[in-house]
Amino acid sequence: MYDDAGGADAAPSGGGKLPHFNLEGLIPVILLIIIGVASLNYFGIVDIPFLPQGSSRVNVLFIGQPSFGEKVVLDNLSYMLSYRERDARSFSNSASEELSQYDIVFLDQTLTEKSVTVALGEAINQYVSKGGKLIVVKNSGIYQSVGLGSAISSDVVGWKATFGDIMPAECVPGSNGIPTCQDGQEVTVAGRIRRIAYDHPIMNGIESAPAEGGEIPTFSVLNIQANEGAKRIAYVDSISTPQTYDAILEKKTNLLGRVIYFNYDPGFTPGVLINTIKYLK
């Protein structure tokens, strides 16, 4: 006989049926997660042990002309990178497609004419906005090329009009009204590069450059300001005056895009430059 309150299939007291999971429905989700993690690992965004990564060789484009110190560093890193030099005037309207082929772009016109076309400026902006890595040295790119040859727009001095908001540094009028990034406004400083961001990979293991106890170098810098959203990484510490100058700035445009600004020839501090390239790759 069975009790009226229950039947033959009544569940035991205190128990219940286990919830039913649709494993077949979870398989596509699991596969998407695996593919996503593998892709991040392949492109070096994360490092998962035992999973293969893509080629670790870095393609570098140098717009302008490297200094002797920069060239020494790039040549010594030939085991991990290849670099190509190009004049800013050699780019066509398809500059965006050309830049997309490179992992890191240097804009260093310290030894050449400091101008880019409007099209190249927009291409560099798009390159960084899509996750590209850009290194800018001193007052490179502060002028706009507006025609054939070396025609330069005299009403545009600075970075914002050409590159938008991606640049970490800002060119401002000095006490004489002349833009502080303009040619001829450099300041010669004897001192060392000292880190501000102690946990930043660019200054990893480097308290000051050159290290204390050695010869004190002389730097040619600009009296620029850090732009909104920029991170101050290092500064130039003058031994003769209490004034300091921003030496290295960084600005992130999104999850991946980076712009590093050097307010001096980074070839003077090869250890810092090597750290920078490894950080950006």
C-alpha atoms as a PDB file:
ATOM      1  CA  MET A   1       0.000   0.000   0.000  1.00  0.00           C
ATOM      2  CA  TYR A   2       1.121   3.528  -0.739  1.00  0.00           C
ATOM      3  CA  ASP A   3       0.362   6.658   1.221  1.00  0.00           C
ATOM      4  CA  ASP A   4      -2.092   9.043  -0.506  1.00  0.00           C
ATOM      5  CA  ALA A   5       0.426  11.885  -0.168  1.00  0.00           C
ATOM      6  CA  GLY A   6       3.029  10.095  -2.243  1.00  0.00           C
ATOM      7  CA  GLY A   7       3.468   7.564  -4.945  1.00  0.00           C
ATOM      8  CA  ALA A   8       5.972   5.094  -6.163  1.00  0.00           C
ATOM      9  CA  ASP A   9       8.071   7.892  -7.710  1.00  0.00           C
ATOM     10  CA  ALA A  10       8.101  10.128  -4.691  1.00  0.00           C
ATOM     11  CA  ALA A  11      11.586  11.549  -4.000  1.00  0.00           C
ATOM     12  CA  PRO A  12      13.282  10.559  -0.782  1.00  0.00           C
ATOM     13  CA  SER A  13      12.944  12.967   2.127  1.00  0.00           C
ATOM     14  CA  GLY A  14      15.567  15.759   2.031  1.00  0.00           C
ATOM     15  CA  GLY A  15      16.582  14.954  -1.533  1.00  0.00           C
ATOM     16  CA  GLY A  16      15.733  16.087  -5.036  1.00  0.00           C
ATOM     17  CA  LYS A  17      16.602  15.626  -8.672  1.00  0.00           C
ATOM     18  CA  LEU A  18      20.018  16.924  -9.824  1.00  0.00           C
ATOM     19  CA  PRO A  19      19.823  19.910 -12.219  1.00  0.00           C
ATOM     20  CA  HIS A  20      20.206  18.986 -15.876  1.00  0.00           C
ATOM     21  CA  PHE A  21      23.072  20.706 -17.793  1.00  0.00           C
ATOM     22  CA  ASN A  22      23.051  20.949 -21.568  1.00  0.00           C
ATOM     23  CA  LEU A  23      26.689  20.146 -22.266  1.00  0.00           C
ATOM     24  CA  GLU A  24      26.180  20.328 -26.003  1.00  0.00           C
ATOM     25  CA  GLY A  25      25.131  23.961 -25.693  1.00  0.00           C
ATOM     26  CA  LEU A  26      28.248  24.817 -23.678  1.00  0.00           C
ATOM     27  CA  ILE A  27      30.704  23.355 -26.213  1.00  0.00           C
ATOM     28  CA  PRO A  28      30.618  26.380 -28.621  1.00  0.00           C
ATOM     29  CA  VAL A  29      31.165  28.768 -25.713  1.00  0.00           C
ATOM     30  CA  ILE A  30      34.111  26.729 -24.426  1.00  0.00           C
ATOM     31  CA  LEU A  31      35.624  26.618 -27.919  1.00  0.00           C
ATOM     32  CA  LEU A  32      35.307  30.408 -28.276  1.00  0.00           C
ATOM     33  CA  ILE A  33      37.083  30.927 -24.946  1.00  0.00           C
ATOM     34  CA  ILE A  34      39.896  28.568 -25.956  1.00  0.00           C
ATOM     35  CA  ILE A  35      40.316  30.281 -29.336  1.00  0.00           C
ATOM     36  CA  GLY A  36      40.328  33.724 -27.682  1.00  0.00           C
ATOM     37  CA  VAL A  37      42.994  32.769 -25.127  1.00  0.00           C
ATOM     38  CA  ALA A  38      45.105  31.071 -27.817  1.00  0.00           C
ATOM     39  CA  SER A  39      44.885  34.202 -29.990  1.00  0.00           C
ATOM     40  CA  LEU A  40      45.991  36.459 -27.138  1.00  0.00           C
ATOM     41  CA  ASN A  41      48.899  34.126 -26.487  1.00  0.00           C
ATOM     42  CA  TYR A  42      49.812  33.924 -30.186  1.00  0.00           C
ATOM     43  CA  PHE A  43      50.087  37.697 -30.494  1.00  0.00           C
ATOM     44  CA  GLY A  44      52.057  37.981 -27.249  1.00  0.00           C
ATOM     45  CA  ILE A  45      49.382  39.850 -25.283  1.00  0.00           C
ATOM     46  CA  VAL A  46      49.421  37.109 -22.642  1.00  0.00           C
ATOM     47  CA  ASP A  47      51.959  34.360 -22.057  1.00  0.00           C
ATOM     48  CA  ILE A  48      50.488  30.883 -21.600  1.00  0.00           C
ATOM     49  CA  PRO A  49      53.101  28.165 -20.973  1.00  0.00           C
ATOM     50  CA  PHE A  50      53.363  25.432 -23.630  1.00  0.00           C
ATOM     51  CA  LEU A  51      51.114  27.284 -26.112  1.00  0.00           C
ATOM     52  CA  PRO A  52      52.841  28.392 -29.347  1.00  0.00           C
ATOM     53  CA  GLN A  53      53.261  32.103 -29.989  1.00  0.00           C
ATOM     54  CA  GLY A  54      53.541  33.945 -33.289  1.00  0.00           C
ATOM     55  CA  SER A  55      56.812  35.195 -34.633  1.00  0.00           C
ATOM     56  CA  SER A  56      58.680  37.192 -31.994  1.00  0.00           C
ATOM     57  CA  ARG A  57      60.558  39.172 -34.648  1.00  0.00           C
ATOM     58  CA  VAL A  58      59.617  42.837 -34.555  1.00  0.00           C
ATOM     59  CA  ASN A  59      59.185  44.958 -37.686  1.00  0.00           C
ATOM     60  CA  VAL A  60      60.222  48.567 -37.063  1.00  0.00           C
ATOM     61  CA  LEU A  61      59.729  51.583 -39.322  1.00  0.00           C
ATOM     62  CA  PHE A  62      61.952  54.608 -38.791  1.00  0.00           C
ATOM     63  CA  ILE A  63      60.481  57.825 -40.205  1.00  0.00           C
ATOM     64  CA  GLY A  64      63.359  60.274 -40.370  1.00  0.00           C
ATOM     65  CA  GLN A  65      66.951  59.399 -39.608  1.00  0.00           C
ATOM     66  CA  PRO A  66      68.323  57.553 -36.557  1.00  0.00           C
ATOM     67  CA  SER A  67      71.072  59.138 -34.518  1.00  0.00           C
ATOM     68  CA  PHE A  68      74.329  57.265 -34.091  1.00  0.00           C
ATOM     69  CA  GLY A  69      73.256  55.956 -30.673  1.00  0.00           C
ATOM     70  CA  GLU A  70      69.832  54.847 -31.918  1.00  0.00           C
ATOM     71  CA  LYS A  71      71.405  53.037 -34.856  1.00  0.00           C
ATOM     72  CA  VAL A  72      73.807  51.216 -32.523  1.00  0.00           C
ATOM     73  CA  VAL A  73      70.877  49.998 -30.399  1.00  0.00           C
ATOM     74  CA  LEU A  74      68.802  48.923 -33.397  1.00  0.00           C
ATOM     75  CA  ASP A  75      71.744  47.062 -34.903  1.00  0.00           C
ATOM     76  CA  ASN A  76      72.454  45.305 -31.612  1.00  0.00           C
ATOM     77  CA  LEU A  77      68.826  44.167 -31.465  1.00  0.00           C
ATOM     78  CA  SER A  78      68.996  42.668 -34.959  1.00  0.00           C
ATOM     79  CA  TYR A  79      68.409  39.225 -33.429  1.00  0.00           C
ATOM     80  CA  MET A  80      64.844  40.279 -32.582  1.00  0.00           C
ATOM     81  CA  LEU A  81      63.950  43.089 -34.989  1.00  0.00           C
ATOM     82  CA  SER A  82      64.305  44.371 -38.512  1.00  0.00           C
ATOM     83  CA  TYR A  83      64.044  48.071 -39.277  1.00  0.00           C
ATOM     84  CA  ARG A  84      63.607  50.234 -42.322  1.00  0.00           C
ATOM     85  CA  GLU A  85      64.268  53.954 -42.760  1.00  0.00           C
ATOM     86  CA  ARG A  86      61.973  56.233 -44.755  1.00  0.00           C
ATOM     87  CA  ASP A  87      61.620  59.944 -45.366  1.00  0.00           C
ATOM     88  CA  ALA A  88      58.265  61.398 -44.308  1.00  0.00           C
ATOM     89  CA  ARG A  89      57.820  62.824 -47.816  1.00  0.00           C
ATOM     90  CA  SER A  90      57.950  59.356 -49.377  1.00  0.00           C
ATOM     91  CA  PHE A  91      54.500  58.341 -48.105  1.00  0.00           C
ATOM     92  CA  SER A  92      51.483  58.412 -50.370  1.00  0.00           C
ATOM     93  CA  ASN A  93      47.796  58.658 -49.509  1.00  0.00           C
ATOM     94  CA  SER A  94      47.873  54.922 -48.712  1.00  0.00           C
ATOM     95  CA  ALA A  95      50.103  55.549 -45.679  1.00  0.00           C
ATOM     96  CA  SER A  96      47.640  53.776 -43.351  1.00  0.00           C
ATOM     97  CA  GLU A  97      48.124  50.478 -45.169  1.00  0.00           C
ATOM     98  CA  GLU A  98      51.906  50.926 -45.160  1.00  0.00           C
ATOM     99  CA  LEU A  99      52.085  51.662 -41.426  1.00  0.00           C
ATOM    100  CA  SER A 100      49.916  48.662 -40.557  1.00  0.00           C
ATOM    101  CA  GLN A 101      52.771  46.373 -41.615  1.00  0.00           C
ATOM    102  CA  TYR A 102      54.950  47.478 -38.679  1.00  0.00           C
ATOM    103  CA  ASP A 103      54.916  46.641 -34.972  1.00  0.00           C
ATOM    104  CA  ILE A 104      56.695  49.835 -33.900  1.00  0.00           C
ATOM    105  CA  VAL A 105      57.043  53.175 -35.691  1.00  0.00           C
ATOM    106  CA  PHE A 106      59.748  55.709 -34.800  1.00  0.00           C
ATOM    107  CA  LEU A 107      59.133  59.349 -35.694  1.00  0.00           C
ATOM    108  CA  ASP A 108      62.564  60.921 -35.278  1.00  0.00           C
ATOM    109  CA  GLN A 109      63.300  63.896 -37.512  1.00  0.00           C
ATOM    110  CA  THR A 110      65.923  65.403 -35.219  1.00  0.00           C
ATOM    111  CA  LEU A 111      68.449  65.273 -38.078  1.00  0.00           C
ATOM    112  CA  THR A 112      65.972  66.026 -40.888  1.00  0.00           C
ATOM    113  CA  GLU A 113      63.113  68.355 -41.765  1.00  0.00           C
ATOM    114  CA  LYS A 114      60.506  68.195 -38.984  1.00  0.00           C
ATOM    115  CA  SER A 115      57.317  68.002 -41.006  1.00  0.00           C
ATOM    116  CA  VAL A 116      54.729  65.477 -42.127  1.00  0.00           C
ATOM    117  CA  THR A 117      51.825  65.740 -44.529  1.00  0.00           C
ATOM    118  CA  VAL A 118      48.264  65.962 -43.295  1.00  0.00           C
ATOM    119  CA  ALA A 119      47.634  62.496 -44.759  1.00  0.00           C
ATOM    120  CA  LEU A 120      50.593  60.951 -42.915  1.00  0.00           C
ATOM    121  CA  GLY A 121      49.539  62.640 -39.678  1.00  0.00           C
ATOM    122  CA  GLU A 122      46.059  61.134 -39.974  1.00  0.00           C
ATOM    123  CA  ALA A 123      47.540  57.743 -40.858  1.00  0.00           C
ATOM    124  CA  ILE A 124      49.744  57.803 -37.750  1.00  0.00           C
ATOM    125  CA  ASN A 125      46.727  58.759 -35.631  1.00  0.00           C
ATOM    126  CA  GLN A 126      44.752  55.812 -37.025  1.00  0.00           C
ATOM    127  CA  TYR A 127      47.732  53.478 -36.603  1.00  0.00           C
ATOM    128  CA  VAL A 128      47.986  54.264 -32.885  1.00  0.00           C
ATOM    129  CA  SER A 129      44.212  54.275 -32.366  1.00  0.00           C
ATOM    130  CA  LYS A 130      44.058  50.732 -33.769  1.00  0.00           C
ATOM    131  CA  GLY A 131      46.708  49.491 -31.333  1.00  0.00           C
ATOM    132  CA  GLY A 132      49.976  50.583 -32.979  1.00  0.00           C
ATOM    133  CA  LYS A 133      53.123  51.533 -31.044  1.00  0.00           C
ATOM    134  CA  LEU A 134      54.758  54.913 -31.764  1.00  0.00           C
ATOM    135  CA  ILE A 135      57.990  56.486 -30.472  1.00  0.00           C
ATOM    136  CA  VAL A 136      58.368  60.252 -30.994  1.00  0.00           C
ATOM    137  CA  VAL A 137      61.659  62.082 -30.430  1.00  0.00           C
ATOM    138  CA  LYS A 138      61.852  65.764 -29.451  1.00  0.00           C
ATOM    139  CA  ASN A 139      60.135  68.109 -31.926  1.00  0.00           C
ATOM    140  CA  SER A 140      59.665  65.637 -34.765  1.00  0.00           C
ATOM    141  CA  GLY A 141      56.487  66.236 -36.766  1.00  0.00           C
ATOM    142  CA  ILE A 142      55.725  69.718 -35.407  1.00  0.00           C
ATOM    143  CA  TYR A 143      55.201  71.198 -38.880  1.00  0.00           C
ATOM    144  CA  GLN A 144      52.792  70.333 -41.681  1.00  0.00           C
ATOM    145  CA  SER A 145      53.926  69.793 -45.251  1.00  0.00           C
ATOM    146  CA  VAL A 146      51.378  71.494 -47.484  1.00  0.00           C
ATOM    147  CA  GLY A 147      52.843  70.987 -50.936  1.00  0.00           C
ATOM    148  CA  LEU A 148      55.575  69.444 -53.013  1.00  0.00           C
ATOM    149  CA  GLY A 149      59.139  69.548 -51.841  1.00  0.00           C
ATOM    150  CA  SER A 150      59.738  71.190 -48.479  1.00  0.00           C
ATOM    151  CA  ALA A 151      56.812  73.636 -48.345  1.00  0.00           C
ATOM    152  CA  ILE A 152      55.800  73.993 -44.687  1.00  0.00           C
ATOM    153  CA  SER A 153      52.703  75.560 -43.197  1.00  0.00           C
ATOM    154  CA  SER A 154      53.836  78.467 -41.031  1.00  0.00           C
ATOM    155  CA  ASP A 155      50.568  78.702 -39.092  1.00  0.00           C
ATOM    156  CA  VAL A 156      50.821  75.172 -37.632  1.00  0.00           C
ATOM    157  CA  VAL A 157      53.480  74.527 -34.986  1.00  0.00           C
ATOM    158  CA  GLY A 158      53.024  71.604 -32.623  1.00  0.00           C
ATOM    159  CA  TRP A 159      51.397  68.189 -32.763  1.00  0.00           C
ATOM    160  CA  LYS A 160      47.699  68.564 -32.076  1.00  0.00           C
ATOM    161  CA  ALA A 161      46.617  69.962 -35.454  1.00  0.00           C
ATOM    162  CA  THR A 162      48.382  67.143 -37.319  1.00  0.00           C
ATOM    163  CA  PHE A 163      48.064  64.121 -35.004  1.00  0.00           C
ATOM    164  CA  GLY A 164      45.028  64.887 -32.862  1.00  0.00           C
ATOM    165  CA  ASP A 165      45.162  63.890 -29.186  1.00  0.00           C
ATOM    166  CA  ILE A 166      47.542  60.920 -29.331  1.00  0.00           C
ATOM    167  CA  MET A 167      50.738  62.814 -28.415  1.00  0.00           C
ATOM    168  CA  PRO A 168      51.895  62.777 -24.769  1.00  0.00           C
ATOM    169  CA  ALA A 169      53.699  66.123 -25.120  1.00  0.00           C
ATOM    170  CA  GLU A 170      52.210  69.555 -25.685  1.00  0.00           C
ATOM    171  CA  CYS A 171      53.908  72.508 -27.335  1.00  0.00           C
ATOM    172  CA  VAL A 172      53.062  75.788 -25.600  1.00  0.00           C
ATOM    173  CA  PRO A 173      54.070  79.426 -26.128  1.00  0.00           C
ATOM    174  CA  GLY A 174      57.149  80.449 -24.155  1.00  0.00           C
ATOM    175  CA  SER A 175      57.667  83.716 -22.298  1.00  0.00           C
ATOM    176  CA  ASN A 176      58.671  85.305 -25.611  1.00  0.00           C
ATOM    177  CA  GLY A 177      55.542  84.009 -27.344  1.00  0.00           C
ATOM    178  CA  ILE A 178      57.512  81.541 -29.476  1.00  0.00           C
ATOM    179  CA  PRO A 179      56.313  77.900 -29.278  1.00  0.00           C
ATOM    180  CA  THR A 180      58.635  76.004 -26.959  1.00  0.00           C
ATOM    181  CA  CYS A 181      58.940  73.077 -29.366  1.00  0.00           C
ATOM    182  CA  GLN A 182      60.058  75.177 -32.313  1.00  0.00           C
ATOM    183  CA  ASP A 183      63.542  74.898 -33.790  1.00  0.00           C
ATOM    184  CA  GLY A 184      66.009  77.039 -31.895  1.00  0.00           C
ATOM    185  CA  GLN A 185      64.164  76.781 -28.567  1.00  0.00           C
ATOM    186  CA  GLU A 186      66.207  73.849 -27.239  1.00  0.00           C
ATOM    187  CA  VAL A 187      67.748  74.099 -23.786  1.00  0.00           C
ATOM    188  CA  THR A 188      71.152  72.566 -23.015  1.00  0.00           C
ATOM    189  CA  VAL A 189      71.162  70.791 -19.660  1.00  0.00           C
ATOM    190  CA  ALA A 190      73.946  68.946 -17.840  1.00  0.00           C
ATOM    191  CA  GLY A 191      72.417  66.227 -15.706  1.00  0.00           C
ATOM    192  CA  ARG A 192      70.949  62.750 -15.619  1.00  0.00           C
ATOM    193  CA  ILE A 193      67.717  61.053 -16.604  1.00  0.00           C
ATOM    194  CA  ARG A 194      65.964  59.994 -13.403  1.00  0.00           C
ATOM    195  CA  ARG A 195      62.919  57.771 -13.163  1.00  0.00           C
ATOM    196  CA  ILE A 196      59.583  58.884 -11.786  1.00  0.00           C
ATOM    197  CA  ALA A 197      57.490  55.784 -12.459  1.00  0.00           C
ATOM    198  CA  TYR A 198      59.377  53.218 -10.391  1.00  0.00           C
ATOM    199  CA  ASP A 199      57.297  50.279 -11.585  1.00  0.00           C
ATOM    200  CA  HIS A 200      57.385  51.112 -15.302  1.00  0.00           C
ATOM    201  CA  PRO A 201      59.154  48.559 -17.564  1.00  0.00           C
ATOM    202  CA  ILE A 202      60.969  51.321 -19.483  1.00  0.00           C
ATOM    203  CA  MET A 203      62.973  52.214 -16.373  1.00  0.00           C
ATOM    204  CA  ASN A 204      63.249  48.651 -15.078  1.00  0.00           C
ATOM    205  CA  GLY A 205      66.563  48.340 -13.234  1.00  0.00           C
ATOM    206  CA  ILE A 206      67.506  51.950 -14.050  1.00  0.00           C
ATOM    207  CA  GLU A 207      67.512  54.470 -11.228  1.00  0.00           C
ATOM    208  CA  SER A 208      69.310  57.110 -13.287  1.00  0.00           C
ATOM    209  CA  ALA A 209      70.974  57.214 -16.689  1.00  0.00           C
ATOM    210  CA  PRO A 210      73.890  57.331 -16.872  1.00  0.00           C
ATOM    211  CA  ALA A 211      74.459  55.747 -13.467  1.00  0.00           C
ATOM    212  CA  GLU A 212      75.842  57.791 -10.594  1.00  0.00           C
ATOM    213  CA  GLY A 213      79.594  58.123 -10.375  1.00  0.00           C
ATOM    214  CA  GLY A 214      80.265  58.390 -14.073  1.00  0.00           C
ATOM    215  CA  GLU A 215      80.616  61.349 -16.396  1.00  0.00           C
ATOM    216  CA  ILE A 216      77.696  63.775 -16.369  1.00  0.00           C
ATOM    217  CA  PRO A 217      76.275  64.102 -19.888  1.00  0.00           C
ATOM    218  CA  THR A 218      74.792  67.156 -21.559  1.00  0.00           C
ATOM    219  CA  PHE A 219      71.295  66.886 -22.990  1.00  0.00           C
ATOM    220  CA  SER A 220      69.495  69.092 -25.484  1.00  0.00           C
ATOM    221  CA  VAL A 221      65.839  69.233 -24.435  1.00  0.00           C
ATOM    222  CA  LEU A 222      62.670  71.218 -25.056  1.00  0.00           C
ATOM    223  CA  ASN A 223      60.585  72.977 -22.440  1.00  0.00           C
ATOM    224  CA  ILE A 224      57.408  71.044 -23.283  1.00  0.00           C
ATOM    225  CA  GLN A 225      54.489  70.082 -21.061  1.00  0.00           C
ATOM    226  CA  ALA A 226      52.870  66.718 -20.444  1.00  0.00           C
ATOM    227  CA  ASN A 227      49.559  66.500 -22.283  1.00  0.00           C
ATOM    228  CA  GLU A 228      46.277  65.490 -20.678  1.00  0.00           C
ATOM    229  CA  GLY A 229      46.258  61.769 -20.025  1.00  0.00           C
ATOM    230  CA  ALA A 230      50.045  61.404 -20.319  1.00  0.00           C
ATOM    231  CA  LYS A 231      52.096  59.469 -17.776  1.00  0.00           C
ATOM    232  CA  ARG A 232      55.438  60.926 -16.676  1.00  0.00           C
ATOM    233  CA  ILE A 233      58.065  58.177 -16.672  1.00  0.00           C
ATOM    234  CA  ALA A 234      61.361  60.063 -16.247  1.00  0.00           C
ATOM    235  CA  TYR A 235      62.738  63.591 -16.050  1.00  0.00           C
ATOM    236  CA  VAL A 236      65.992  65.422 -16.750  1.00  0.00           C
ATOM    237  CA  ASP A 237      67.617  66.483 -13.478  1.00  0.00           C
ATOM    238  CA  SER A 238      69.884  69.497 -14.047  1.00  0.00           C
ATOM    239  CA  ILE A 239      72.952  69.724 -11.788  1.00  0.00           C
ATOM    240  CA  SER A 240      73.347  73.494 -12.213  1.00  0.00           C
ATOM    241  CA  THR A 241      69.773  74.729 -11.755  1.00  0.00           C
ATOM    242  CA  PRO A 242      66.760  73.572  -9.723  1.00  0.00           C
ATOM    243  CA  GLN A 243      64.668  73.318 -12.901  1.00  0.00           C
ATOM    244  CA  THR A 244      63.663  69.922 -14.267  1.00  0.00           C
ATOM    245  CA  TYR A 245      62.355  68.869 -17.663  1.00  0.00           C
ATOM    246  CA  ASP A 246      60.110  65.985 -18.651  1.00  0.00           C
ATOM    247  CA  ALA A 247      62.327  63.383 -20.320  1.00  0.00           C
ATOM    248  CA  ILE A 248      60.022  60.440 -21.138  1.00  0.00           C
ATOM    249  CA  LEU A 249      56.232  60.519 -21.406  1.00  0.00           C
ATOM    250  CA  GLU A 250      53.685  57.865 -22.338  1.00  0.00           C
ATOM    251  CA  LYS A 251      50.112  58.088 -23.518  1.00  0.00           C
ATOM    252  CA  LYS A 252      47.776  55.138 -24.040  1.00  0.00           C
ATOM    253  CA  THR A 253      45.035  55.507 -26.610  1.00  0.00           C
ATOM    254  CA  ASN A 254      43.177  52.269 -25.880  1.00  0.00           C
ATOM    255  CA  LEU A 255      43.914  48.793 -24.589  1.00  0.00           C
ATOM    256  CA  LEU A 256      46.912  48.352 -26.926  1.00  0.00           C
ATOM    257  CA  GLY A 257      47.870  51.694 -28.530  1.00  0.00           C
ATOM    258  CA  ARG A 258      50.938  53.395 -27.046  1.00  0.00           C
ATOM    259  CA  VAL A 259      52.900  56.574 -27.761  1.00  0.00           C
ATOM    260  CA  ILE A 260      56.257  57.085 -26.052  1.00  0.00           C
ATOM    261  CA  TYR A 261      57.782  60.568 -26.206  1.00  0.00           C
ATOM    262  CA  PHE A 262      61.506  61.190 -25.694  1.00  0.00           C
ATOM    263  CA  ASN A 263      62.529  64.781 -24.968  1.00  0.00           C
ATOM    264  CA  TYR A 264      66.144  63.941 -25.834  1.00  0.00           C
ATOM    265  CA  ASP A 265      68.065  61.655 -28.148  1.00  0.00           C
ATOM    266  CA  PRO A 266      67.264  58.173 -26.728  1.00  0.00           C
ATOM    267  CA  GLY A 267      70.548  56.950 -28.202  1.00  0.00           C
ATOM    268  CA  PHE A 268      72.253  58.657 -25.249  1.00  0.00           C
ATOM    269  CA  THR A 269      70.636  56.096 -22.924  1.00  0.00           C
ATOM    270  CA  PRO A 270      70.820  52.747 -24.755  1.00  0.00           C
ATOM    271  CA  GLY A 271      69.561  50.735 -21.782  1.00  0.00           C
ATOM    272  CA  VAL A 272      66.414  52.858 -21.603  1.00  0.00           C
ATOM    273  CA  LEU A 273      65.851  52.568 -25.352  1.00  0.00           C
ATOM    274  CA  ILE A 274      66.265  48.784 -25.272  1.00  0.00           C
ATOM    275  CA  ASN A 275      63.742  48.571 -22.431  1.00  0.00           C
ATOM    276  CA  THR A 276      61.362  50.749 -24.434  1.00  0.00           C
ATOM    277  CA  ILE A 277      61.500  48.581 -27.550  1.00  0.00           C
ATOM    278  CA  LYS A 278      61.022  45.397 -25.513  1.00  0.00           C
ATOM    279  CA  TYR A 279      58.109  47.018 -23.671  1.00  0.00           C
ATOM    280  CA  LEU A 280      56.364  47.993 -26.899  1.00  0.00           C
ATOM    281  CA  LYS A 281      56.941  44.743 -28.788  1.00  0.00           C
END
